[in-house]
């Protein structure tokens, strides 16, 4: 898949992240694609659902598994606006996702590359291809603006 496809799906994830922000949620959006078709999408919903696992990635993974009626997502790509945390990396690994494409790094909680390298850890039984920096500036700006407005 070329970078134009990555950009298109990431822009869709950014639209979802903006919806999260509109709903007073940390602006993270996720899109799961299988064979060129979007099979699931979500945005953060921890505040609304009172659920600490309500990250966009986890919700999108749950919905994708339900849609295909299988816990294995071995042929999908997950697009997410921010680097997945360690919890989300665990869900990604356990669902056997093939590839993760993300926007901006998370220097304080990133589980894929910034703090930990869970998705490429050779000690685990599954590894995930990671592509980073797609729509990085837009993803980071959504987060910065959200937290700047919270501090006012």
C-alpha atoms as a PDB file:
ATOM      1  CA  UNK A   1       0.000   0.000   0.000  1.00  0.00           C
ATOM      2  CA  UNK A   2       1.448   3.381  -0.945  1.00  0.00           C
ATOM      3  CA  UNK A   3       1.648   6.522   1.149  1.00  0.00           C
ATOM      4  CA  UNK A   4      -1.394   8.064  -0.622  1.00  0.00           C
ATOM      5  CA  UNK A   5      -3.544   5.264   0.790  1.00  0.00           C
ATOM      6  CA  UNK A   6      -1.984   5.768   4.216  1.00  0.00           C
ATOM      7  CA  UNK A   7      -2.764   9.491   4.010  1.00  0.00           C
ATOM      8  CA  UNK A   8      -6.392   8.885   3.035  1.00  0.00           C
ATOM      9  CA  UNK A   9      -7.069   6.505   5.915  1.00  0.00           C
ATOM     10  CA  UNK A  10      -5.168   8.701   8.344  1.00  0.00           C
ATOM     11  CA  UNK A  11      -7.269  11.698   7.315  1.00  0.00           C
ATOM     12  CA  UNK A  12     -10.342   9.626   8.122  1.00  0.00           C
ATOM     13  CA  UNK A  13      -8.819   8.843  11.531  1.00  0.00           C
ATOM     14  CA  UNK A  14      -8.172  12.571  12.035  1.00  0.00           C
ATOM     15  CA  UNK A  15     -11.843  13.290  11.355  1.00  0.00           C
ATOM     16  CA  UNK A  16     -12.733  10.771  14.062  1.00  0.00           C
ATOM     17  CA  UNK A  17     -10.198  12.346  16.432  1.00  0.00           C
ATOM     18  CA  UNK A  18     -11.876  15.722  15.884  1.00  0.00           C
ATOM     19  CA  UNK A  19     -15.221  14.109  16.824  1.00  0.00           C
ATOM     20  CA  UNK A  20     -13.622  12.840  20.019  1.00  0.00           C
ATOM     21  CA  UNK A  21     -12.528  16.369  20.844  1.00  0.00           C
ATOM     22  CA  UNK A  22     -16.026  17.704  20.166  1.00  0.00           C
ATOM     23  CA  UNK A  23     -17.265  15.148  22.718  1.00  0.00           C
ATOM     24  CA  UNK A  24     -14.699  16.281  25.313  1.00  0.00           C
ATOM     25  CA  UNK A  25     -12.555  13.184  24.758  1.00  0.00           C
ATOM     26  CA  UNK A  26      -8.815  13.164  24.084  1.00  0.00           C
ATOM     27  CA  UNK A  27      -8.676  13.514  20.279  1.00  0.00           C
ATOM     28  CA  UNK A  28      -7.542  10.122  19.041  1.00  0.00           C
ATOM     29  CA  UNK A  29      -9.178   8.342  16.129  1.00  0.00           C
ATOM     30  CA  UNK A  30      -8.659   4.838  14.755  1.00  0.00           C
ATOM     31  CA  UNK A  31      -9.592   3.137  11.491  1.00  0.00           C
ATOM     32  CA  UNK A  32      -9.172  -0.554  10.692  1.00  0.00           C
ATOM     33  CA  UNK A  33      -8.814  -1.526   7.048  1.00  0.00           C
ATOM     34  CA  UNK A  34      -8.975  -4.989   5.490  1.00  0.00           C
ATOM     35  CA  UNK A  35      -8.262  -5.474   1.797  1.00  0.00           C
ATOM     36  CA  UNK A  36      -8.947  -1.825   1.035  1.00  0.00           C
ATOM     37  CA  UNK A  37     -12.241  -1.709   2.956  1.00  0.00           C
ATOM     38  CA  UNK A  38     -12.827   0.080   6.254  1.00  0.00           C
ATOM     39  CA  UNK A  39     -14.234  -2.548   8.600  1.00  0.00           C
ATOM     40  CA  UNK A  40     -14.180  -0.532  11.810  1.00  0.00           C
ATOM     41  CA  UNK A  41     -13.536   2.940  13.142  1.00  0.00           C
ATOM     42  CA  UNK A  42     -13.705   4.622  16.518  1.00  0.00           C
ATOM     43  CA  UNK A  43     -12.598   7.542  18.622  1.00  0.00           C
ATOM     44  CA  UNK A  44     -11.639   7.754  22.280  1.00  0.00           C
ATOM     45  CA  UNK A  45     -14.606   7.291  24.597  1.00  0.00           C
ATOM     46  CA  UNK A  46     -13.211   6.932  28.117  1.00  0.00           C
ATOM     47  CA  UNK A  47     -15.105   9.896  29.565  1.00  0.00           C
ATOM     48  CA  UNK A  48     -18.423   9.073  27.919  1.00  0.00           C
ATOM     49  CA  UNK A  49     -18.304   5.354  28.707  1.00  0.00           C
ATOM     50  CA  UNK A  50     -16.655   5.591  32.139  1.00  0.00           C
ATOM     51  CA  UNK A  51     -14.286   2.905  30.862  1.00  0.00           C
ATOM     52  CA  UNK A  52     -10.521   3.160  31.253  1.00  0.00           C
ATOM     53  CA  UNK A  53     -10.106   0.808  28.277  1.00  0.00           C
ATOM     54  CA  UNK A  54     -12.161   3.125  26.032  1.00  0.00           C
ATOM     55  CA  UNK A  55      -9.246   4.005  23.770  1.00  0.00           C
ATOM     56  CA  UNK A  56      -9.969   4.396  20.061  1.00  0.00           C
ATOM     57  CA  UNK A  57      -7.756   1.430  19.168  1.00  0.00           C
ATOM     58  CA  UNK A  58      -9.436  -0.958  21.622  1.00  0.00           C
ATOM     59  CA  UNK A  59     -12.932   0.062  20.553  1.00  0.00           C
ATOM     60  CA  UNK A  60     -12.045  -0.280  16.872  1.00  0.00           C
ATOM     61  CA  UNK A  61     -10.495  -3.704  17.497  1.00  0.00           C
ATOM     62  CA  UNK A  62     -13.581  -4.915  19.384  1.00  0.00           C
ATOM     63  CA  UNK A  63     -15.866  -3.717  16.581  1.00  0.00           C
ATOM     64  CA  UNK A  64     -13.693  -5.269  13.854  1.00  0.00           C
ATOM     65  CA  UNK A  65     -13.614  -8.636  15.642  1.00  0.00           C
ATOM     66  CA  UNK A  66     -17.388  -8.564  16.035  1.00  0.00           C
ATOM     67  CA  UNK A  67     -17.856  -7.654  12.373  1.00  0.00           C
ATOM     68  CA  UNK A  68     -15.708 -10.475  11.002  1.00  0.00           C
ATOM     69  CA  UNK A  69     -16.698 -12.818  13.860  1.00  0.00           C
ATOM     70  CA  UNK A  70     -13.105 -13.699  14.661  1.00  0.00           C
ATOM     71  CA  UNK A  71     -10.632 -12.466  17.281  1.00  0.00           C
ATOM     72  CA  UNK A  72      -7.793 -12.762  14.767  1.00  0.00           C
ATOM     73  CA  UNK A  73      -7.314  -9.644  12.654  1.00  0.00           C
ATOM     74  CA  UNK A  74      -4.258 -10.991  10.873  1.00  0.00           C
ATOM     75  CA  UNK A  75      -4.831  -9.285   7.520  1.00  0.00           C
ATOM     76  CA  UNK A  76      -5.711  -5.771   8.707  1.00  0.00           C
ATOM     77  CA  UNK A  77      -4.013  -2.426   9.058  1.00  0.00           C
ATOM     78  CA  UNK A  78      -4.835  -0.193  12.007  1.00  0.00           C
ATOM     79  CA  UNK A  79      -4.569   3.561  11.413  1.00  0.00           C
ATOM     80  CA  UNK A  80      -4.440   5.666  14.554  1.00  0.00           C
ATOM     81  CA  UNK A  81      -3.656   9.331  15.045  1.00  0.00           C
ATOM     82  CA  UNK A  82      -1.378   8.844  18.070  1.00  0.00           C
ATOM     83  CA  UNK A  83       1.158   6.160  18.911  1.00  0.00           C
ATOM     84  CA  UNK A  84      -0.599   3.351  20.781  1.00  0.00           C
ATOM     85  CA  UNK A  85      -0.049   3.040  24.535  1.00  0.00           C
ATOM     86  CA  UNK A  86       1.069  -0.216  26.133  1.00  0.00           C
ATOM     87  CA  UNK A  87      -2.532  -1.336  26.742  1.00  0.00           C
ATOM     88  CA  UNK A  88      -3.431  -0.773  23.102  1.00  0.00           C
ATOM     89  CA  UNK A  89      -0.237  -2.491  21.964  1.00  0.00           C
ATOM     90  CA  UNK A  90      -1.314  -5.506  23.999  1.00  0.00           C
ATOM     91  CA  UNK A  91      -4.684  -5.535  22.236  1.00  0.00           C
ATOM     92  CA  UNK A  92      -2.967  -5.114  18.851  1.00  0.00           C
ATOM     93  CA  UNK A  93      -0.619  -8.021  19.550  1.00  0.00           C
ATOM     94  CA  UNK A  94      -3.349 -10.265  20.920  1.00  0.00           C
ATOM     95  CA  UNK A  95      -5.586  -9.665  17.917  1.00  0.00           C
ATOM     96  CA  UNK A  96      -2.673 -10.422  15.556  1.00  0.00           C
ATOM     97  CA  UNK A  97      -2.954  -7.183  13.604  1.00  0.00           C
ATOM     98  CA  UNK A  98      -0.500  -7.110  10.699  1.00  0.00           C
ATOM     99  CA  UNK A  99       0.335  -3.401  10.471  1.00  0.00           C
ATOM    100  CA  UNK A 100      -0.090  -0.222  12.503  1.00  0.00           C
ATOM    101  CA  UNK A 101       0.171   3.205  10.891  1.00  0.00           C
ATOM    102  CA  UNK A 102       0.166   6.123  13.295  1.00  0.00           C
ATOM    103  CA  UNK A 103       0.478   9.892  13.234  1.00  0.00           C
ATOM    104  CA  UNK A 104       2.391  11.429  16.130  1.00  0.00           C
ATOM    105  CA  UNK A 105       4.603   9.876  18.752  1.00  0.00           C
ATOM    106  CA  UNK A 106       3.635   9.717  22.408  1.00  0.00           C
ATOM    107  CA  UNK A 107       6.818  10.505  24.301  1.00  0.00           C
ATOM    108  CA  UNK A 108       5.127   9.963  27.674  1.00  0.00           C
ATOM    109  CA  UNK A 109       3.201   6.765  27.027  1.00  0.00           C
ATOM    110  CA  UNK A 110       4.056   5.305  23.629  1.00  0.00           C
ATOM    111  CA  UNK A 111       4.221   1.539  23.554  1.00  0.00           C
ATOM    112  CA  UNK A 112       5.188   1.047  19.913  1.00  0.00           C
ATOM    113  CA  UNK A 113       8.369   3.105  19.575  1.00  0.00           C
ATOM    114  CA  UNK A 114       8.753   6.056  21.955  1.00  0.00           C
ATOM    115  CA  UNK A 115       9.087   4.375  25.366  1.00  0.00           C
ATOM    116  CA  UNK A 116       8.683   0.704  24.521  1.00  0.00           C
ATOM    117  CA  UNK A 117       8.971  -1.367  21.370  1.00  0.00           C
ATOM    118  CA  UNK A 118       6.238  -3.872  22.161  1.00  0.00           C
ATOM    119  CA  UNK A 119       5.059  -4.338  18.586  1.00  0.00           C
ATOM    120  CA  UNK A 120       8.517  -5.412  17.424  1.00  0.00           C
ATOM    121  CA  UNK A 121       9.707  -7.238  20.549  1.00  0.00           C
ATOM    122  CA  UNK A 122      11.376 -10.469  19.392  1.00  0.00           C
ATOM    123  CA  UNK A 123      10.492 -12.179  22.692  1.00  0.00           C
ATOM    124  CA  UNK A 124       6.793 -12.113  21.853  1.00  0.00           C
ATOM    125  CA  UNK A 125       4.998 -14.580  19.588  1.00  0.00           C
ATOM    126  CA  UNK A 126       3.711 -11.888  17.196  1.00  0.00           C
ATOM    127  CA  UNK A 127       5.266  -8.809  15.669  1.00  0.00           C
ATOM    128  CA  UNK A 128       3.586  -5.925  13.907  1.00  0.00           C
ATOM    129  CA  UNK A 129       4.871  -3.776  11.064  1.00  0.00           C
ATOM    130  CA  UNK A 130       4.857  -0.134  12.204  1.00  0.00           C
ATOM    131  CA  UNK A 131       4.721   2.965   9.996  1.00  0.00           C
ATOM    132  CA  UNK A 132       4.936   6.256  11.856  1.00  0.00           C
ATOM    133  CA  UNK A 133       4.702   9.951  11.072  1.00  0.00           C
ATOM    134  CA  UNK A 134       1.738   9.864   8.670  1.00  0.00           C
ATOM    135  CA  UNK A 135      -0.134  13.162   9.178  1.00  0.00           C
ATOM    136  CA  UNK A 136       2.127  13.687  12.173  1.00  0.00           C
ATOM    137  CA  UNK A 137       1.746  17.463  12.414  1.00  0.00           C
ATOM    138  CA  UNK A 138      -2.047  17.399  12.138  1.00  0.00           C
ATOM    139  CA  UNK A 139      -2.304  14.657  14.758  1.00  0.00           C
ATOM    140  CA  UNK A 140      -0.011  16.469  17.187  1.00  0.00           C
ATOM    141  CA  UNK A 141      -1.792  19.790  16.663  1.00  0.00           C
ATOM    142  CA  UNK A 142      -5.204  18.293  17.510  1.00  0.00           C
ATOM    143  CA  UNK A 143      -3.801  16.995  20.796  1.00  0.00           C
ATOM    144  CA  UNK A 144      -1.957  20.219  21.640  1.00  0.00           C
ATOM    145  CA  UNK A 145      -5.033  22.344  20.966  1.00  0.00           C
ATOM    146  CA  UNK A 146      -7.260  20.054  23.052  1.00  0.00           C
ATOM    147  CA  UNK A 147      -4.980  20.200  26.092  1.00  0.00           C
ATOM    148  CA  UNK A 148      -4.290  23.919  25.653  1.00  0.00           C
ATOM    149  CA  UNK A 149      -8.036  24.593  25.789  1.00  0.00           C
ATOM    150  CA  UNK A 150      -8.371  22.363  28.864  1.00  0.00           C
ATOM    151  CA  UNK A 151      -5.790  24.457  30.712  1.00  0.00           C
ATOM    152  CA  UNK A 152      -7.586  27.761  30.057  1.00  0.00           C
END
